N, C-alpha and C. Protein backbone atom coordinates (compact mmCIF):
# COMPACT_ATOMS: atom_id res chain seq x y z
N MET A 1 0.86 -1.17 0.00
CA MET A 1 0.00 0.00 0.00
C MET A 1 0.90 1.23 0.00
N ASP A 2 0.76 2.06 -1.02
CA ASP A 2 1.63 3.23 -1.15
C ASP A 2 1.26 4.35 -0.19
N LEU A 3 0.00 4.64 -0.06
CA LEU A 3 -0.44 5.72 0.81
C LEU A 3 -1.18 5.14 2.00
N LEU A 4 -1.25 5.92 3.05
CA LEU A 4 -2.06 5.49 4.19
C LEU A 4 -3.50 5.29 3.71
N LEU A 5 -4.16 4.29 4.26
CA LEU A 5 -5.52 3.94 3.85
C LEU A 5 -6.46 5.11 4.09
N ARG A 6 -7.21 5.48 3.07
CA ARG A 6 -8.11 6.64 3.19
C ARG A 6 -9.50 6.21 2.78
N THR A 7 -10.32 5.86 3.76
CA THR A 7 -11.66 5.37 3.46
C THR A 7 -12.71 6.48 3.46
N ASN A 8 -12.51 7.53 4.26
CA ASN A 8 -13.47 8.62 4.33
C ASN A 8 -12.71 9.94 4.36
N PRO A 9 -12.45 10.52 3.20
CA PRO A 9 -11.59 11.71 3.12
C PRO A 9 -12.10 12.92 3.89
N THR A 10 -13.34 12.93 4.33
CA THR A 10 -13.84 14.09 5.07
C THR A 10 -13.55 14.00 6.57
N SER A 11 -13.08 12.85 7.06
CA SER A 11 -12.87 12.71 8.51
C SER A 11 -11.39 12.57 8.87
N PHE A 12 -10.51 13.07 8.05
CA PHE A 12 -9.07 12.97 8.32
C PHE A 12 -8.62 13.91 9.42
N LEU A 13 -7.69 13.43 10.19
CA LEU A 13 -6.87 14.31 11.03
C LEU A 13 -5.65 14.64 10.18
N ASP A 14 -5.08 15.81 10.39
CA ASP A 14 -3.89 16.15 9.60
C ASP A 14 -2.72 15.25 9.94
N ASN A 15 -2.54 14.98 11.24
CA ASN A 15 -1.37 14.21 11.66
C ASN A 15 -1.65 13.64 13.05
N ILE A 16 -1.30 12.38 13.24
CA ILE A 16 -1.33 11.78 14.57
C ILE A 16 0.12 11.71 15.06
N HIS A 17 0.37 12.21 16.26
CA HIS A 17 1.70 12.22 16.86
C HIS A 17 1.73 11.21 18.01
N THR A 18 2.83 10.47 18.12
CA THR A 18 2.98 9.55 19.23
C THR A 18 4.44 9.53 19.68
N GLY A 19 4.62 9.20 20.93
CA GLY A 19 5.95 9.05 21.50
C GLY A 19 5.85 8.12 22.69
N GLY A 20 6.94 7.54 23.07
CA GLY A 20 6.94 6.67 24.23
C GLY A 20 7.02 5.21 23.87
N SER A 21 6.32 4.80 22.83
CA SER A 21 6.39 3.42 22.36
C SER A 21 6.62 3.44 20.86
N LEU A 22 7.49 2.56 20.41
CA LEU A 22 7.72 2.46 18.98
C LEU A 22 6.56 1.73 18.32
N VAL A 23 6.33 2.00 17.06
CA VAL A 23 5.12 1.54 16.38
C VAL A 23 5.46 0.55 15.27
N ALA A 24 4.70 -0.54 15.23
CA ALA A 24 4.83 -1.52 14.15
C ALA A 24 4.14 -1.00 12.90
N LYS A 25 4.66 -1.37 11.76
CA LYS A 25 4.12 -0.94 10.48
C LYS A 25 2.63 -1.29 10.33
N THR A 26 2.22 -2.43 10.86
CA THR A 26 0.82 -2.85 10.74
C THR A 26 -0.14 -1.87 11.41
N TYR A 27 0.31 -1.18 12.46
CA TYR A 27 -0.53 -0.18 13.11
C TYR A 27 -0.79 1.02 12.20
N LEU A 28 0.18 1.34 11.35
CA LEU A 28 -0.01 2.47 10.44
C LEU A 28 -1.15 2.22 9.48
N GLU A 29 -1.34 0.98 9.09
CA GLU A 29 -2.45 0.67 8.19
C GLU A 29 -3.79 0.98 8.86
N VAL A 30 -3.88 0.73 10.15
CA VAL A 30 -5.10 1.03 10.89
C VAL A 30 -5.22 2.54 11.12
N LEU A 31 -4.14 3.17 11.54
CA LEU A 31 -4.17 4.62 11.79
C LEU A 31 -4.45 5.40 10.52
N GLY A 32 -4.11 4.83 9.38
CA GLY A 32 -4.35 5.49 8.10
C GLY A 32 -5.82 5.75 7.83
N ILE A 33 -6.70 5.08 8.53
CA ILE A 33 -8.13 5.33 8.40
C ILE A 33 -8.46 6.72 8.96
N LEU A 34 -7.65 7.18 9.93
CA LEU A 34 -7.94 8.43 10.64
C LEU A 34 -7.09 9.61 10.24
N THR A 35 -5.99 9.39 9.56
CA THR A 35 -5.04 10.48 9.35
C THR A 35 -4.36 10.42 7.99
N LYS A 36 -3.87 11.57 7.58
CA LYS A 36 -3.08 11.67 6.35
C LYS A 36 -1.62 11.38 6.62
N LYS A 37 -1.17 11.71 7.84
CA LYS A 37 0.24 11.53 8.22
C LYS A 37 0.31 11.02 9.65
N PHE A 38 1.43 10.41 9.95
CA PHE A 38 1.69 9.87 11.27
C PHE A 38 3.11 10.27 11.64
N THR A 39 3.31 10.83 12.84
CA THR A 39 4.65 11.20 13.29
C THR A 39 4.96 10.47 14.58
N VAL A 40 6.09 9.78 14.59
CA VAL A 40 6.54 9.07 15.79
C VAL A 40 7.77 9.81 16.33
N TYR A 41 7.81 9.99 17.65
CA TYR A 41 8.92 10.66 18.33
C TYR A 41 9.57 9.70 19.30
N TYR A 42 10.86 9.88 19.48
CA TYR A 42 11.59 9.18 20.54
C TYR A 42 12.09 10.26 21.47
N LEU A 43 11.80 10.12 22.76
CA LEU A 43 12.17 11.15 23.72
C LEU A 43 12.44 10.52 25.07
N GLY A 44 13.05 11.29 25.92
CA GLY A 44 13.30 10.85 27.29
C GLY A 44 13.07 12.01 28.24
N SER A 45 12.60 11.70 29.43
CA SER A 45 12.33 12.77 30.38
C SER A 45 13.61 13.51 30.75
N GLU A 46 14.77 12.83 30.68
CA GLU A 46 16.04 13.47 31.02
C GLU A 46 16.63 14.28 29.86
N ALA A 47 16.21 13.96 28.63
CA ALA A 47 16.87 14.57 27.47
C ALA A 47 15.92 15.30 26.53
N GLY A 48 14.63 15.20 26.72
CA GLY A 48 13.67 15.86 25.83
C GLY A 48 13.47 15.10 24.53
N PHE A 49 12.98 15.80 23.50
CA PHE A 49 12.75 15.19 22.20
C PHE A 49 14.08 14.90 21.52
N LEU A 50 14.23 13.68 21.02
CA LEU A 50 15.50 13.27 20.41
C LEU A 50 15.39 12.99 18.92
N THR A 51 14.38 12.21 18.51
CA THR A 51 14.22 11.87 17.09
C THR A 51 12.77 12.03 16.67
N SER A 52 12.57 12.09 15.35
CA SER A 52 11.21 12.07 14.83
C SER A 52 11.21 11.52 13.41
N LYS A 53 10.06 11.01 13.03
CA LYS A 53 9.85 10.51 11.67
C LYS A 53 8.38 10.71 11.34
N THR A 54 8.12 11.46 10.25
CA THR A 54 6.76 11.65 9.77
C THR A 54 6.55 10.76 8.55
N VAL A 55 5.44 10.04 8.55
CA VAL A 55 5.15 9.06 7.51
C VAL A 55 3.83 9.40 6.84
N SER A 56 3.83 9.47 5.52
CA SER A 56 2.57 9.56 4.78
C SER A 56 2.52 8.45 3.73
N ASN A 57 3.59 7.71 3.61
CA ASN A 57 3.68 6.60 2.68
C ASN A 57 4.19 5.38 3.47
N ILE A 58 3.35 4.39 3.66
CA ILE A 58 3.69 3.24 4.50
C ILE A 58 4.95 2.54 4.02
N SER A 59 5.19 2.50 2.73
CA SER A 59 6.37 1.80 2.21
C SER A 59 7.68 2.45 2.66
N GLU A 60 7.63 3.70 3.13
CA GLU A 60 8.83 4.39 3.60
C GLU A 60 9.13 4.13 5.08
N TYR A 61 8.24 3.44 5.75
CA TYR A 61 8.39 3.25 7.20
C TYR A 61 9.05 1.90 7.49
N VAL A 62 10.02 1.93 8.38
CA VAL A 62 10.68 0.72 8.87
C VAL A 62 10.07 0.39 10.22
N ASP A 63 9.66 -0.88 10.41
CA ASP A 63 9.06 -1.30 11.68
C ASP A 63 9.85 -0.77 12.88
N TYR A 64 9.13 -0.19 13.81
CA TYR A 64 9.66 0.28 15.09
C TYR A 64 10.72 1.38 14.95
N SER A 65 10.72 2.07 13.85
CA SER A 65 11.67 3.15 13.63
C SER A 65 11.18 4.42 14.30
N SER A 66 12.12 5.18 14.84
CA SER A 66 11.75 6.48 15.40
C SER A 66 12.41 7.61 14.63
N GLY A 67 12.91 7.31 13.45
CA GLY A 67 13.46 8.34 12.60
C GLY A 67 14.90 8.68 12.91
N PHE A 68 15.23 9.94 12.69
CA PHE A 68 16.61 10.42 12.84
C PHE A 68 16.65 11.53 13.87
N PRO A 69 17.84 11.79 14.43
CA PRO A 69 17.95 12.86 15.44
C PRO A 69 17.48 14.21 14.91
N LEU A 70 16.84 14.96 15.80
CA LEU A 70 16.45 16.33 15.49
C LEU A 70 17.70 17.20 15.35
N GLN A 71 17.56 18.38 14.76
CA GLN A 71 18.71 19.25 14.44
C GLN A 71 19.66 19.50 15.60
N TRP A 72 19.12 19.71 16.77
CA TRP A 72 19.93 20.10 17.93
C TRP A 72 20.43 18.91 18.75
N VAL A 73 20.21 17.70 18.26
CA VAL A 73 20.52 16.49 19.02
C VAL A 73 21.69 15.74 18.40
N GLU A 74 22.63 15.33 19.23
CA GLU A 74 23.69 14.41 18.82
C GLU A 74 23.37 13.06 19.44
N MET A 75 23.50 12.00 18.64
CA MET A 75 23.24 10.65 19.16
C MET A 75 24.30 9.69 18.65
N LYS A 76 24.54 8.65 19.45
CA LYS A 76 25.42 7.58 19.02
C LYS A 76 24.98 6.28 19.67
N VAL A 77 25.32 5.17 19.02
CA VAL A 77 25.00 3.84 19.53
C VAL A 77 26.33 3.17 19.86
N ILE A 78 26.48 2.77 21.13
CA ILE A 78 27.78 2.35 21.67
C ILE A 78 27.76 0.88 22.08
N GLU A 79 28.87 0.19 21.80
CA GLU A 79 29.08 -1.18 22.29
C GLU A 79 29.45 -1.14 23.77
N THR A 80 29.47 -2.29 24.41
CA THR A 80 29.83 -2.36 25.83
C THR A 80 31.27 -1.92 26.07
N ASN A 81 32.14 -2.02 25.06
CA ASN A 81 33.54 -1.59 25.21
C ASN A 81 33.74 -0.09 24.98
N GLY A 82 32.66 0.63 24.68
CA GLY A 82 32.75 2.08 24.52
C GLY A 82 32.90 2.56 23.10
N ASN A 83 33.04 1.66 22.13
CA ASN A 83 33.16 2.05 20.72
C ASN A 83 31.79 2.17 20.07
N ILE A 84 31.72 3.01 19.04
CA ILE A 84 30.49 3.12 18.25
C ILE A 84 30.29 1.80 17.51
N VAL A 85 29.07 1.28 17.53
CA VAL A 85 28.80 0.01 16.86
C VAL A 85 28.90 0.17 15.35
N GLU A 86 29.18 -0.91 14.68
CA GLU A 86 29.21 -0.93 13.23
C GLU A 86 27.79 -0.76 12.69
N ARG A 87 27.70 -0.32 11.45
CA ARG A 87 26.40 -0.19 10.79
C ARG A 87 25.65 -1.53 10.85
N GLY A 88 24.37 -1.45 11.17
CA GLY A 88 23.54 -2.64 11.24
C GLY A 88 23.58 -3.37 12.57
N GLN A 89 24.33 -2.83 13.54
CA GLN A 89 24.46 -3.48 14.85
C GLN A 89 23.69 -2.70 15.92
N ASP A 90 23.42 -3.38 17.02
CA ASP A 90 22.72 -2.78 18.15
C ASP A 90 23.70 -2.41 19.26
N GLY A 91 23.29 -1.46 20.07
CA GLY A 91 24.09 -1.06 21.22
C GLY A 91 23.30 -0.10 22.10
N ASP A 92 23.97 0.47 23.09
CA ASP A 92 23.34 1.43 24.00
C ASP A 92 23.26 2.80 23.34
N ILE A 93 22.12 3.47 23.52
CA ILE A 93 21.92 4.80 22.95
C ILE A 93 22.47 5.86 23.90
N TYR A 94 23.26 6.78 23.34
CA TYR A 94 23.75 7.95 24.06
C TYR A 94 23.30 9.18 23.30
N ALA A 95 22.94 10.24 24.02
CA ALA A 95 22.50 11.48 23.39
C ALA A 95 23.12 12.67 24.10
N ARG A 96 23.27 13.75 23.34
CA ARG A 96 23.73 15.02 23.89
C ARG A 96 22.90 16.11 23.23
N THR A 97 22.27 16.94 24.07
CA THR A 97 21.36 17.98 23.58
C THR A 97 21.32 19.14 24.57
N PRO A 98 21.10 20.35 24.10
CA PRO A 98 21.00 21.50 25.01
C PRO A 98 19.84 21.38 26.00
N ALA A 99 18.81 20.59 25.67
CA ALA A 99 17.65 20.45 26.56
C ALA A 99 17.85 19.41 27.65
N MET A 100 19.00 18.75 27.65
CA MET A 100 19.23 17.64 28.58
C MET A 100 19.47 18.13 30.01
N GLN A 101 19.02 17.33 30.95
CA GLN A 101 19.27 17.66 32.35
C GLN A 101 20.76 17.58 32.67
N LYS A 102 21.15 18.22 33.73
CA LYS A 102 22.56 18.25 34.13
C LYS A 102 22.89 17.19 35.17
N GLY A 103 21.89 16.46 35.65
CA GLY A 103 22.13 15.41 36.63
C GLY A 103 20.89 15.16 37.46
N TYR A 104 20.99 14.17 38.34
CA TYR A 104 19.90 13.83 39.24
C TYR A 104 20.15 14.51 40.58
N LEU A 105 19.16 15.20 41.09
CA LEU A 105 19.27 15.95 42.33
C LEU A 105 19.61 15.03 43.49
N HIS A 106 20.71 15.33 44.16
CA HIS A 106 21.18 14.59 45.34
C HIS A 106 21.49 13.12 45.04
N GLU A 107 21.73 12.76 43.77
CA GLU A 107 22.03 11.38 43.40
C GLU A 107 23.28 11.34 42.52
N PHE A 108 24.44 11.60 43.13
CA PHE A 108 25.70 11.67 42.41
C PHE A 108 26.02 10.36 41.69
N GLU A 109 25.82 9.23 42.37
CA GLU A 109 26.13 7.93 41.74
C GLU A 109 25.28 7.67 40.51
N LYS A 110 24.02 7.98 40.58
CA LYS A 110 23.13 7.79 39.44
C LYS A 110 23.53 8.74 38.31
N THR A 111 23.88 9.97 38.65
CA THR A 111 24.32 10.93 37.64
C THR A 111 25.57 10.44 36.93
N THR A 112 26.55 9.98 37.64
CA THR A 112 27.80 9.52 37.00
C THR A 112 27.61 8.22 36.23
N LYS A 113 26.59 7.44 36.57
CA LYS A 113 26.29 6.21 35.81
C LYS A 113 25.74 6.54 34.43
N PHE A 114 24.93 7.60 34.33
CA PHE A 114 24.24 7.90 33.08
C PHE A 114 24.78 9.11 32.32
N LEU A 115 25.52 10.00 32.97
CA LEU A 115 25.98 11.22 32.33
C LEU A 115 27.49 11.32 32.45
N ASN A 116 28.22 11.32 31.31
CA ASN A 116 29.67 11.38 31.39
C ASN A 116 30.18 12.82 31.34
N GLU A 117 31.49 12.99 31.49
CA GLU A 117 32.11 14.32 31.57
C GLU A 117 31.93 15.12 30.29
N SER A 118 31.76 14.46 29.15
CA SER A 118 31.59 15.14 27.86
C SER A 118 30.14 15.53 27.59
N GLY A 119 29.25 15.25 28.53
CA GLY A 119 27.86 15.62 28.36
C GLY A 119 27.01 14.60 27.63
N TRP A 120 27.55 13.41 27.39
CA TRP A 120 26.77 12.34 26.75
C TRP A 120 25.95 11.62 27.81
N PHE A 121 24.66 11.52 27.56
CA PHE A 121 23.74 10.88 28.49
C PHE A 121 23.39 9.49 27.98
N LYS A 122 23.57 8.47 28.82
CA LYS A 122 23.18 7.11 28.46
C LYS A 122 21.68 6.99 28.65
N ILE A 123 20.96 6.81 27.56
CA ILE A 123 19.50 6.79 27.58
C ILE A 123 18.95 5.54 28.26
N ASP A 124 19.71 4.49 28.30
CA ASP A 124 19.30 3.20 28.90
C ASP A 124 18.27 2.49 28.03
N ASP A 125 18.42 2.66 26.70
CA ASP A 125 17.64 1.94 25.70
C ASP A 125 18.61 1.35 24.68
N VAL A 126 18.14 0.37 23.94
CA VAL A 126 18.95 -0.22 22.88
C VAL A 126 18.60 0.46 21.57
N GLY A 127 19.63 0.79 20.78
CA GLY A 127 19.44 1.40 19.48
C GLY A 127 20.10 0.58 18.40
N HIS A 128 19.79 0.90 17.16
CA HIS A 128 20.32 0.20 15.99
C HIS A 128 21.00 1.24 15.10
N ASN A 129 22.27 1.02 14.79
CA ASN A 129 23.01 1.96 13.96
C ASN A 129 22.64 1.78 12.49
N THR A 130 22.00 2.80 11.91
CA THR A 130 21.64 2.76 10.48
C THR A 130 22.47 3.71 9.66
N LEU A 131 23.46 4.36 10.28
CA LEU A 131 24.30 5.30 9.52
C LEU A 131 25.11 4.56 8.47
N THR A 132 25.43 5.27 7.40
CA THR A 132 26.22 4.66 6.34
C THR A 132 27.70 4.61 6.71
N GLU A 133 28.09 5.44 7.67
CA GLU A 133 29.47 5.40 8.15
C GLU A 133 29.50 5.81 9.61
N ASN A 134 30.50 5.36 10.32
CA ASN A 134 30.64 5.74 11.73
C ASN A 134 31.22 7.14 11.83
N LEU A 135 30.76 7.90 12.79
CA LEU A 135 31.25 9.26 13.00
C LEU A 135 32.40 9.28 13.97
């Protein structure tokens, strides 16, 4: 299906936005009854909005994808040894953004576990490196 399913063109929402849970492609087929576009966001309470992907063509959507980092966000996917994972591999997500918190109040150990000296915050989620080259 090239476009989101449109059964009643007079009852469309312009866009449905979601964040918090990643979405399977099959859900877009159902949501397409209600909307022309669908936008999925990946965010964290400690770091704010990190990625987004707007879809109006189901064939362009990858299952459980949250898109690419927003303009002001730096992200990387790291192996347990601290190196950036190779393309196509999974690892821990790290982000750096001006909207990110500076630490946990009165919780130094927790802060040092998740936030390093360079300002990279360990999101505590698994990510997949889709970049064509490592940065």
